[in-house]
Amino acid sequence: MKTVIDLDDELLERARRELGTKSKKDTIHEALRLVAERGERLEAVRELLSIDRDWTGIVDDDKVPDGEKDAA
């Protein structure tokens, strides 16, 4: 479907750089997809947080290269 809209060129360019897209069309489609899927991502995070587990250090451990984990 073709629609004529007035876009904020600066905002569109910022979104393009952030998303790594090449065209206006790709940028708009990717931004719409991200917004449309936002609720699903939030629900997935809620489900993970509801798991009774100590999450301390999980993210930090993922940032340590495997070779350095063995040395610790």
PDB file of N, CA and C in Angstrom:
ATOM      1  N   MET A   1       0.846  -1.166   0.000  1.00  0.00           N
ATOM      2  CA  MET A   1       0.000   0.000   0.000  1.00  0.00           C
ATOM      3  C   MET A   1       0.896   1.235   0.000  1.00  0.00           C
ATOM      4  N   LYS A   2       0.586   2.181  -0.835  1.00  0.00           N
ATOM      5  CA  LYS A   2       1.347   3.429  -0.869  1.00  0.00           C
ATOM      6  C   LYS A   2       0.591   4.485  -0.081  1.00  0.00           C
ATOM      7  N   THR A   3       1.347   5.218   0.747  1.00  0.00           N
ATOM      8  CA  THR A   3       0.780   6.275   1.568  1.00  0.00           C
ATOM      9  C   THR A   3       1.726   7.460   1.524  1.00  0.00           C
ATOM     10  N   VAL A   4       1.187   8.637   1.374  1.00  0.00           N
ATOM     11  CA  VAL A   4       2.001   9.847   1.372  1.00  0.00           C
ATOM     12  C   VAL A   4       1.953  10.436   2.779  1.00  0.00           C
ATOM     13  N   ILE A   5       3.160  10.592   3.383  1.00  0.00           N
ATOM     14  CA  ILE A   5       3.241  11.180   4.721  1.00  0.00           C
ATOM     15  C   ILE A   5       4.400  12.162   4.787  1.00  0.00           C
ATOM     16  N   ASP A   6       4.303  13.092   5.714  1.00  0.00           N
ATOM     17  CA  ASP A   6       5.355  14.064   5.950  1.00  0.00           C
ATOM     18  C   ASP A   6       6.260  13.506   7.039  1.00  0.00           C
ATOM     19  N   LEU A   7       7.523  13.267   6.725  1.00  0.00           N
ATOM     20  CA  LEU A   7       8.460  12.671   7.670  1.00  0.00           C
ATOM     21  C   LEU A   7       9.455  13.687   8.193  1.00  0.00           C
ATOM     22  N   ASP A   8       9.873  13.504   9.431  1.00  0.00           N
ATOM     23  CA  ASP A   8      10.942  14.294  10.027  1.00  0.00           C
ATOM     24  C   ASP A   8      12.250  13.708   9.502  1.00  0.00           C
ATOM     25  N   ASP A   9      12.905  14.395   8.577  1.00  0.00           N
ATOM     26  CA  ASP A   9      14.105  13.874   7.921  1.00  0.00           C
ATOM     27  C   ASP A   9      15.235  13.587   8.907  1.00  0.00           C
ATOM     28  N   GLU A  10      15.412  14.451   9.908  1.00  0.00           N
ATOM     29  CA  GLU A  10      16.477  14.242  10.887  1.00  0.00           C
ATOM     30  C   GLU A  10      16.197  12.982  11.723  1.00  0.00           C
ATOM     31  N   LEU A  11      14.961  12.820  12.138  1.00  0.00           N
ATOM     32  CA  LEU A  11      14.588  11.641  12.920  1.00  0.00           C
ATOM     33  C   LEU A  11      14.719  10.370  12.086  1.00  0.00           C
ATOM     34  N   LEU A  12      14.322  10.439  10.847  1.00  0.00           N
ATOM     35  CA  LEU A  12      14.448   9.297   9.951  1.00  0.00           C
ATOM     36  C   LEU A  12      15.918   8.917   9.752  1.00  0.00           C
ATOM     37  N   GLU A  13      16.782   9.891   9.609  1.00  0.00           N
ATOM     38  CA  GLU A  13      18.213   9.631   9.432  1.00  0.00           C
ATOM     39  C   GLU A  13      18.816   9.015  10.693  1.00  0.00           C
ATOM     40  N   ARG A  14      18.416   9.519  11.856  1.00  0.00           N
ATOM     41  CA  ARG A  14      18.893   8.939  13.118  1.00  0.00           C
ATOM     42  C   ARG A  14      18.461   7.486  13.237  1.00  0.00           C
ATOM     43  N   ALA A  15      17.217   7.203  12.877  1.00  0.00           N
ATOM     44  CA  ALA A  15      16.709   5.828  12.928  1.00  0.00           C
ATOM     45  C   ALA A  15      17.456   4.949  11.930  1.00  0.00           C
ATOM     46  N   ARG A  16      17.732   5.471  10.745  1.00  0.00           N
ATOM     47  CA  ARG A  16      18.447   4.711   9.727  1.00  0.00           C
ATOM     48  C   ARG A  16      19.833   4.300  10.220  1.00  0.00           C
ATOM     49  N   ARG A  17      20.538   5.254  10.830  1.00  0.00           N
ATOM     50  CA  ARG A  17      21.871   4.945  11.355  1.00  0.00           C
ATOM     51  C   ARG A  17      21.789   3.916  12.473  1.00  0.00           C
ATOM     52  N   GLU A  18      20.849   4.075  13.362  1.00  0.00           N
ATOM     53  CA  GLU A  18      20.692   3.154  14.496  1.00  0.00           C
ATOM     54  C   GLU A  18      20.334   1.745  14.027  1.00  0.00           C
ATOM     55  N   LEU A  19      19.472   1.657  13.043  1.00  0.00           N
ATOM     56  CA  LEU A  19      19.003   0.362  12.555  1.00  0.00           C
ATOM     57  C   LEU A  19      19.943  -0.250  11.516  1.00  0.00           C
ATOM     58  N   GLY A  20      20.813   0.563  10.939  1.00  0.00           N
ATOM     59  CA  GLY A  20      21.726   0.065   9.917  1.00  0.00           C
ATOM     60  C   GLY A  20      21.046  -0.206   8.586  1.00  0.00           C
ATOM     61  N   THR A  21      19.966   0.480   8.331  1.00  0.00           N
ATOM     62  CA  THR A  21      19.237   0.296   7.075  1.00  0.00           C
ATOM     63  C   THR A  21      19.767   1.265   6.028  1.00  0.00           C
ATOM     64  N   LYS A  22      19.441   0.988   4.771  1.00  0.00           N
ATOM     65  CA  LYS A  22      19.972   1.809   3.669  1.00  0.00           C
ATOM     66  C   LYS A  22      18.942   2.777   3.090  1.00  0.00           C
ATOM     67  N   SER A  23      17.683   2.379   3.062  1.00  0.00           N
ATOM     68  CA  SER A  23      16.677   3.225   2.414  1.00  0.00           C
ATOM     69  C   SER A  23      15.620   3.699   3.415  1.00  0.00           C
ATOM     70  N   LYS A  24      14.872   4.715   3.009  1.00  0.00           N
ATOM     71  CA  LYS A  24      13.771   5.197   3.844  1.00  0.00           C
ATOM     72  C   LYS A  24      12.759   4.084   4.069  1.00  0.00           C
ATOM     73  N   LYS A  25      12.443   3.370   3.002  1.00  0.00           N
ATOM     74  CA  LYS A  25      11.456   2.293   3.092  1.00  0.00           C
ATOM     75  C   LYS A  25      11.920   1.220   4.081  1.00  0.00           C
ATOM     76  N   ASP A  26      13.183   0.788   3.965  1.00  0.00           N
ATOM     77  CA  ASP A  26      13.705  -0.231   4.875  1.00  0.00           C
ATOM     78  C   ASP A  26      13.701   0.262   6.320  1.00  0.00           C
ATOM     79  N   THR A  27      14.058   1.516   6.515  1.00  0.00           N
ATOM     80  CA  THR A  27      14.097   2.096   7.854  1.00  0.00           C
ATOM     81  C   THR A  27      12.703   2.109   8.477  1.00  0.00           C
ATOM     82  N   ILE A  28      11.730   2.559   7.732  1.00  0.00           N
ATOM     83  CA  ILE A  28      10.357   2.628   8.239  1.00  0.00           C
ATOM     84  C   ILE A  28       9.823   1.229   8.523  1.00  0.00           C
ATOM     85  N   HIS A  29      10.063   0.279   7.626  1.00  0.00           N
ATOM     86  CA  HIS A  29       9.582  -1.088   7.840  1.00  0.00           C
ATOM     87  C   HIS A  29      10.234  -1.716   9.073  1.00  0.00           C
ATOM     88  N   GLU A  30      11.538  -1.515   9.249  1.00  0.00           N
ATOM     89  CA  GLU A  30      12.234  -2.084  10.405  1.00  0.00           C
ATOM     90  C   GLU A  30      11.736  -1.446  11.700  1.00  0.00           C
ATOM     91  N   ALA A  31      11.542  -0.131  11.689  1.00  0.00           N
ATOM     92  CA  ALA A  31      11.039   0.553  12.883  1.00  0.00           C
ATOM     93  C   ALA A  31       9.626   0.072  13.227  1.00  0.00           C
ATOM     94  N   LEU A  32       8.788  -0.096  12.233  1.00  0.00           N
ATOM     95  CA  LEU A  32       7.432  -0.597  12.475  1.00  0.00           C
ATOM     96  C   LEU A  32       7.465  -2.022  13.018  1.00  0.00           C
ATOM     97  N   ARG A  33       8.357  -2.851  12.478  1.00  0.00           N
ATOM     98  CA  ARG A  33       8.476  -4.229  12.955  1.00  0.00           C
ATOM     99  C   ARG A  33       8.913  -4.261  14.413  1.00  0.00           C
ATOM    100  N   LEU A  34       9.896  -3.442  14.765  1.00  0.00           N
ATOM    101  CA  LEU A  34      10.371  -3.399  16.144  1.00  0.00           C
ATOM    102  C   LEU A  34       9.262  -2.973  17.109  1.00  0.00           C
ATOM    103  N   VAL A  35       8.500  -1.981  16.729  1.00  0.00           N
ATOM    104  CA  VAL A  35       7.407  -1.514  17.582  1.00  0.00           C
ATOM    105  C   VAL A  35       6.318  -2.579  17.689  1.00  0.00           C
ATOM    106  N   ALA A  36       5.991  -3.214  16.567  1.00  0.00           N
ATOM    107  CA  ALA A  36       4.944  -4.226  16.560  1.00  0.00           C
ATOM    108  C   ALA A  36       5.321  -5.430  17.425  1.00  0.00           C
ATOM    109  N   GLU A  37       6.620  -5.760  17.505  1.00  0.00           N
ATOM    110  CA  GLU A  37       7.080  -6.916  18.274  1.00  0.00           C
ATOM    111  C   GLU A  37       7.443  -6.565  19.714  1.00  0.00           C
ATOM    112  N   ARG A  38       7.349  -5.308  20.078  1.00  0.00           N
ATOM    113  CA  ARG A  38       7.756  -4.850  21.409  1.00  0.00           C
ATOM    114  C   ARG A  38       7.023  -5.595  22.524  1.00  0.00           C
ATOM    115  N   GLY A  39       5.736  -5.753  22.389  1.00  0.00           N
ATOM    116  CA  GLY A  39       4.958  -6.434  23.417  1.00  0.00           C
ATOM    117  C   GLY A  39       5.412  -7.864  23.630  1.00  0.00           C
ATOM    118  N   GLU A  40       5.744  -8.553  22.542  1.00  0.00           N
ATOM    119  CA  GLU A  40       6.229  -9.935  22.651  1.00  0.00           C
ATOM    120  C   GLU A  40       7.556  -9.990  23.400  1.00  0.00           C
ATOM    121  N   ARG A  41       8.443  -9.026  23.125  1.00  0.00           N
ATOM    122  CA  ARG A  41       9.736  -8.995  23.816  1.00  0.00           C
ATOM    123  C   ARG A  41       9.547  -8.704  25.297  1.00  0.00           C
ATOM    124  N   LEU A  42       8.661  -7.769  25.623  1.00  0.00           N
ATOM    125  CA  LEU A  42       8.405  -7.445  27.028  1.00  0.00           C
ATOM    126  C   LEU A  42       7.832  -8.647  27.769  1.00  0.00           C
ATOM    127  N   GLU A  43       6.938  -9.375  27.141  1.00  0.00           N
ATOM    128  CA  GLU A  43       6.361 -10.561  27.762  1.00  0.00           C
ATOM    129  C   GLU A  43       7.427 -11.625  27.995  1.00  0.00           C
ATOM    130  N   ALA A  44       8.332 -11.806  27.048  1.00  0.00           N
ATOM    131  CA  ALA A  44       9.412 -12.779  27.209  1.00  0.00           C
ATOM    132  C   ALA A  44      10.308 -12.401  28.386  1.00  0.00           C
ATOM    133  N   VAL A  45      10.608 -11.115  28.538  1.00  0.00           N
ATOM    134  CA  VAL A  45      11.426 -10.659  29.662  1.00  0.00           C
ATOM    135  C   VAL A  45      10.688 -10.906  30.971  1.00  0.00           C
ATOM    136  N   ARG A  46       9.391 -10.612  31.006  1.00  0.00           N
ATOM    137  CA  ARG A  46       8.602 -10.859  32.220  1.00  0.00           C
ATOM    138  C   ARG A  46       8.628 -12.336  32.599  1.00  0.00           C
ATOM    139  N   GLU A  47       8.506 -13.204  31.616  1.00  0.00           N
ATOM    140  CA  GLU A  47       8.539 -14.642  31.884  1.00  0.00           C
ATOM    141  C   GLU A  47       9.890 -15.064  32.446  1.00  0.00           C
ATOM    142  N   LEU A  48      10.969 -14.547  31.872  1.00  0.00           N
ATOM    143  CA  LEU A  48      12.294 -14.870  32.391  1.00  0.00           C
ATOM    144  C   LEU A  48      12.480 -14.379  33.821  1.00  0.00           C
ATOM    145  N   LEU A  49      12.014 -13.171  34.089  1.00  0.00           N
ATOM    146  CA  LEU A  49      12.173 -12.609  35.426  1.00  0.00           C
ATOM    147  C   LEU A  49      11.319 -13.334  36.459  1.00  0.00           C
ATOM    148  N   SER A  50      10.272 -14.010  36.011  1.00  0.00           N
ATOM    149  CA  SER A  50       9.407 -14.734  36.948  1.00  0.00           C
ATOM    150  C   SER A  50      10.018 -16.063  37.376  1.00  0.00           C
ATOM    151  N   ILE A  51      11.060 -16.514  36.683  1.00  0.00           N
ATOM    152  CA  ILE A  51      11.729 -17.756  37.052  1.00  0.00           C
ATOM    153  C   ILE A  51      12.476 -17.537  38.367  1.00  0.00           C
ATOM    154  N   ASP A  52      12.258 -18.434  39.317  1.00  0.00           N
ATOM    155  CA  ASP A  52      12.882 -18.314  40.631  1.00  0.00           C
ATOM    156  C   ASP A  52      14.348 -18.744  40.519  1.00  0.00           C
ATOM    157  N   ARG A  53      15.204 -17.770  40.283  1.00  0.00           N
ATOM    158  CA  ARG A  53      16.624 -18.041  40.089  1.00  0.00           C
ATOM    159  C   ARG A  53      17.429 -16.807  40.462  1.00  0.00           C
ATOM    160  N   ASP A  54      18.633 -17.007  40.913  1.00  0.00           N
ATOM    161  CA  ASP A  54      19.537 -15.896  41.179  1.00  0.00           C
ATOM    162  C   ASP A  54      20.202 -15.514  39.863  1.00  0.00           C
ATOM    163  N   TRP A  55      19.827 -14.370  39.309  1.00  0.00           N
ATOM    164  CA  TRP A  55      20.334 -13.927  38.010  1.00  0.00           C
ATOM    165  C   TRP A  55      21.630 -13.121  38.143  1.00  0.00           C
ATOM    166  N   THR A  56      22.143 -12.968  39.332  1.00  0.00           N
ATOM    167  CA  THR A  56      23.348 -12.180  39.573  1.00  0.00           C
ATOM    168  C   THR A  56      24.518 -12.715  38.748  1.00  0.00           C
ATOM    169  N   GLY A  57      25.146 -11.842  37.998  1.00  0.00           N
ATOM    170  CA  GLY A  57      26.338 -12.195  37.253  1.00  0.00           C
ATOM    171  C   GLY A  57      26.103 -12.869  35.920  1.00  0.00           C
ATOM    172  N   ILE A  58      24.871 -13.181  35.583  1.00  0.00           N
ATOM    173  CA  ILE A  58      24.593 -13.890  34.325  1.00  0.00           C
ATOM    174  C   ILE A  58      25.090 -13.074  33.131  1.00  0.00           C
ATOM    175  N   VAL A  59      24.722 -11.808  33.063  1.00  0.00           N
ATOM    176  CA  VAL A  59      25.119 -10.971  31.939  1.00  0.00           C
ATOM    177  C   VAL A  59      26.620 -10.723  31.974  1.00  0.00           C
ATOM    178  N   ASP A  60      27.173 -10.446  33.156  1.00  0.00           N
ATOM    179  CA  ASP A  60      28.605 -10.200  33.261  1.00  0.00           C
ATOM    180  C   ASP A  60      29.405 -11.418  32.821  1.00  0.00           C
ATOM    181  N   ASP A  61      28.963 -12.619  33.188  1.00  0.00           N
ATOM    182  CA  ASP A  61      29.664 -13.843  32.793  1.00  0.00           C
ATOM    183  C   ASP A  61      29.693 -14.001  31.279  1.00  0.00           C
ATOM    184  N   ASP A  62      28.622 -13.594  30.610  1.00  0.00           N
ATOM    185  CA  ASP A  62      28.553 -13.720  29.159  1.00  0.00           C
ATOM    186  C   ASP A  62      29.571 -12.823  28.457  1.00  0.00           C
ATOM    187  N   LYS A  63      30.034 -11.785  29.137  1.00  0.00           N
ATOM    188  CA  LYS A  63      30.965 -10.848  28.520  1.00  0.00           C
ATOM    189  C   LYS A  63      32.416 -11.295  28.667  1.00  0.00           C
ATOM    190  N   VAL A  64      32.673 -12.306  29.492  1.00  0.00           N
ATOM    191  CA  VAL A  64      34.032 -12.771  29.719  1.00  0.00           C
ATOM    192  C   VAL A  64      34.372 -13.848  28.699  1.00  0.00           C
ATOM    193  N   PRO A  65      35.467 -13.666  27.942  1.00  0.00           N
ATOM    194  CA  PRO A  65      35.870 -14.700  26.973  1.00  0.00           C
ATOM    195  C   PRO A  65      36.068 -16.037  27.665  1.00  0.00           C
ATOM    196  N   ASP A  66      35.765 -17.139  26.964  1.00  0.00           N
ATOM    197  CA  ASP A  66      35.828 -18.487  27.541  1.00  0.00           C
ATOM    198  C   ASP A  66      37.167 -18.799  28.177  1.00  0.00           C
ATOM    199  N   GLY A  67      38.261 -18.418  27.563  1.00  0.00           N
ATOM    200  CA  GLY A  67      39.591 -18.690  28.110  1.00  0.00           C
ATOM    201  C   GLY A  67      39.815 -18.038  29.460  1.00  0.00           C
ATOM    202  N   GLU A  68      39.242 -16.871  29.669  1.00  0.00           N
ATOM    203  CA  GLU A  68      39.412 -16.152  30.931  1.00  0.00           C
ATOM    204  C   GLU A  68      38.528 -16.738  32.025  1.00  0.00           C
ATOM    205  N   LYS A  69      37.414 -17.387  31.672  1.00  0.00           N
ATOM    206  CA  LYS A  69      36.518 -17.992  32.666  1.00  0.00           C
ATOM    207  C   LYS A  69      37.256 -19.114  33.380  1.00  0.00           C
ATOM    208  N   ASP A  70      38.030 -19.903  32.652  1.00  0.00           N
ATOM    209  CA  ASP A  70      38.758 -21.027  33.239  1.00  0.00           C
ATOM    210  C   ASP A  70      39.826 -20.545  34.218  1.00  0.00           C
ATOM    211  N   ALA A  71      40.414 -19.396  33.956  1.00  0.00           N
ATOM    212  CA  ALA A  71      41.492 -18.872  34.794  1.00  0.00           C
ATOM    213  C   ALA A  71      40.968 -18.324  36.102  1.00  0.00           C
ATOM    214  N   ALA A  72      39.684 -18.009  36.160  1.00  0.00           N
ATOM    215  CA  ALA A  72      39.118 -17.368  37.356  1.00  0.00           C
ATOM    216  C   ALA A  72      38.916 -18.320  38.488  1.00  0.00           C
TER     217      ALA A  72
END
